[in-house]
N, C-alpha and C. Protein backbone atom coordinates (compact mmCIF):
# COMPACT_ATOMS: atom_id res chain seq x y z
N UNK A 1 12.90 6.87 -113.93
CA UNK A 1 13.62 7.03 -115.19
C UNK A 1 13.74 8.51 -115.51
N UNK A 2 14.94 8.94 -115.98
CA UNK A 2 15.13 10.24 -116.33
C UNK A 2 15.37 10.22 -117.96
N UNK A 3 14.61 11.05 -118.72
CA UNK A 3 14.76 10.97 -120.07
C UNK A 3 14.86 12.44 -120.59
N UNK A 4 15.80 12.70 -121.45
CA UNK A 4 15.78 14.02 -122.15
C UNK A 4 16.03 13.66 -123.62
N UNK A 5 15.22 14.27 -124.56
CA UNK A 5 15.27 14.13 -125.93
C UNK A 5 15.51 15.39 -126.61
N UNK A 6 16.57 15.40 -127.41
CA UNK A 6 16.92 16.61 -128.31
C UNK A 6 16.82 17.87 -127.56
N UNK A 7 17.49 18.01 -126.44
CA UNK A 7 17.39 19.14 -125.56
C UNK A 7 18.66 20.10 -125.93
N UNK A 8 18.40 21.38 -126.00
CA UNK A 8 19.42 22.37 -126.31
C UNK A 8 19.29 23.45 -125.19
N UNK A 9 20.52 23.80 -124.64
CA UNK A 9 20.54 24.78 -123.57
C UNK A 9 21.55 25.76 -124.02
N UNK A 10 21.16 27.11 -123.94
CA UNK A 10 22.03 28.34 -124.26
C UNK A 10 22.30 29.01 -123.08
N UNK A 11 23.53 29.55 -123.12
CA UNK A 11 24.01 30.45 -121.95
C UNK A 11 24.40 31.78 -122.84
N UNK A 12 23.57 32.72 -122.81
CA UNK A 12 23.82 33.89 -123.77
C UNK A 12 23.68 33.39 -125.14
N UNK A 13 24.72 33.75 -125.96
CA UNK A 13 24.66 33.33 -127.45
C UNK A 13 25.30 31.97 -127.67
N UNK A 14 25.80 31.40 -126.60
CA UNK A 14 26.50 30.12 -126.77
C UNK A 14 25.69 28.93 -126.45
N UNK A 15 25.57 27.95 -127.30
CA UNK A 15 24.92 26.67 -127.15
C UNK A 15 25.78 25.85 -126.23
N UNK A 16 25.47 25.58 -124.92
CA UNK A 16 26.27 24.79 -124.11
C UNK A 16 25.87 23.35 -124.28
N UNK A 17 24.70 22.97 -124.45
CA UNK A 17 24.24 21.50 -124.77
C UNK A 17 23.53 21.62 -126.08
N UNK A 18 23.69 20.84 -127.08
CA UNK A 18 23.02 20.85 -128.27
C UNK A 18 22.51 19.51 -128.69
N UNK A 19 21.15 19.36 -128.74
CA UNK A 19 20.59 18.13 -129.22
C UNK A 19 20.88 16.93 -128.34
N UNK A 20 20.94 17.15 -127.03
CA UNK A 20 21.28 16.16 -126.03
C UNK A 20 20.06 15.25 -125.90
N UNK A 21 20.41 13.87 -125.94
CA UNK A 21 19.38 12.87 -125.72
C UNK A 21 20.06 11.90 -124.72
N UNK A 22 19.40 11.65 -123.60
CA UNK A 22 19.98 10.73 -122.56
C UNK A 22 18.76 10.14 -121.88
N UNK A 23 19.07 8.84 -121.56
CA UNK A 23 18.08 8.12 -120.72
C UNK A 23 18.75 7.35 -119.64
N UNK A 24 18.34 7.62 -118.38
CA UNK A 24 18.94 7.10 -117.20
C UNK A 24 17.90 6.26 -116.51
N UNK A 25 18.02 4.88 -116.39
CA UNK A 25 17.00 4.09 -115.58
C UNK A 25 17.01 4.48 -114.14
N UNK A 26 15.87 4.28 -113.53
CA UNK A 26 15.68 4.55 -112.10
C UNK A 26 16.58 3.53 -111.35
N UNK A 27 17.17 4.09 -110.36
CA UNK A 27 18.03 3.31 -109.52
C UNK A 27 19.55 3.08 -110.01
N UNK A 28 19.88 3.64 -111.17
CA UNK A 28 21.10 3.50 -111.79
C UNK A 28 22.09 4.57 -111.31
N UNK A 29 23.25 4.23 -110.96
CA UNK A 29 24.31 5.18 -110.65
C UNK A 29 25.03 5.51 -111.94
N UNK A 30 25.07 6.86 -112.22
CA UNK A 30 25.61 7.24 -113.47
C UNK A 30 26.72 8.34 -113.25
N UNK A 31 27.83 8.27 -113.95
CA UNK A 31 28.85 9.29 -113.89
C UNK A 31 28.77 10.06 -115.24
N UNK A 32 29.08 11.37 -115.21
CA UNK A 32 29.33 12.15 -116.34
C UNK A 32 30.71 12.69 -116.29
N UNK A 33 31.44 12.25 -117.31
CA UNK A 33 32.88 12.52 -117.34
C UNK A 33 33.23 13.19 -118.74
N UNK A 34 33.71 14.31 -118.72
CA UNK A 34 34.12 14.99 -119.89
C UNK A 34 35.08 16.05 -119.64
N UNK A 35 35.71 16.75 -120.57
CA UNK A 35 36.78 17.75 -120.35
C UNK A 35 36.06 19.03 -119.68
N UNK A 36 36.85 19.95 -119.20
CA UNK A 36 36.37 21.10 -118.70
C UNK A 36 35.62 21.91 -119.69
N UNK A 37 34.51 22.56 -119.36
CA UNK A 37 33.84 23.28 -120.27
C UNK A 37 32.80 22.58 -121.20
N UNK A 38 32.67 21.24 -120.94
CA UNK A 38 31.86 20.46 -121.84
C UNK A 38 30.34 20.48 -121.48
N UNK A 39 30.05 21.10 -120.40
CA UNK A 39 28.59 21.17 -120.13
C UNK A 39 28.06 20.30 -118.95
N UNK A 40 28.93 19.71 -118.26
CA UNK A 40 28.54 18.83 -117.18
C UNK A 40 27.69 19.66 -116.06
N UNK A 41 28.14 20.71 -115.63
CA UNK A 41 27.47 21.47 -114.55
C UNK A 41 26.06 21.89 -115.17
N UNK A 42 26.07 22.37 -116.41
CA UNK A 42 24.80 22.79 -117.07
C UNK A 42 23.83 21.55 -117.05
N UNK A 43 24.32 20.41 -117.46
CA UNK A 43 23.42 19.27 -117.39
C UNK A 43 22.84 18.92 -116.02
N UNK A 44 23.70 18.99 -114.99
CA UNK A 44 23.09 18.91 -113.63
C UNK A 44 22.07 19.90 -113.26
N UNK A 45 22.35 21.14 -113.67
CA UNK A 45 21.36 22.29 -113.37
C UNK A 45 20.18 21.89 -114.14
N UNK A 46 20.20 21.55 -115.37
CA UNK A 46 19.09 21.15 -116.12
C UNK A 46 18.29 20.04 -115.47
N UNK A 47 18.92 18.97 -114.96
CA UNK A 47 18.19 17.88 -114.39
C UNK A 47 17.61 18.26 -113.01
N UNK A 48 18.22 19.26 -112.30
CA UNK A 48 17.71 19.76 -111.00
C UNK A 48 16.60 20.80 -111.28
N UNK A 49 16.42 21.21 -112.41
CA UNK A 49 15.23 22.20 -112.69
C UNK A 49 15.72 23.61 -112.39
N UNK A 50 17.06 23.84 -112.35
CA UNK A 50 17.56 25.14 -112.03
C UNK A 50 17.63 25.99 -113.29
N UNK A 51 17.66 25.41 -114.46
CA UNK A 51 17.60 26.05 -115.72
C UNK A 51 16.70 25.25 -116.63
N UNK A 52 16.02 25.92 -117.57
CA UNK A 52 15.19 25.43 -118.57
C UNK A 52 15.82 25.16 -119.87
N UNK A 53 15.36 24.11 -120.56
CA UNK A 53 16.01 23.95 -121.96
C UNK A 53 15.43 24.99 -122.87
N UNK A 54 16.14 25.16 -123.95
CA UNK A 54 15.74 26.17 -125.01
C UNK A 54 14.87 25.54 -125.96
């Protein structure tokens, strides 16, 4: 299981993700679909441990 609760990520002075809460059960295939600039890549970097939440 992947669980994030009230996570905020900043890039410089910009909040890219604000108060994000998500729960993904083990073995589940999940797609993240939003417009360009919505923070999809930042979310993947957060889940991979490449960046830390604020």
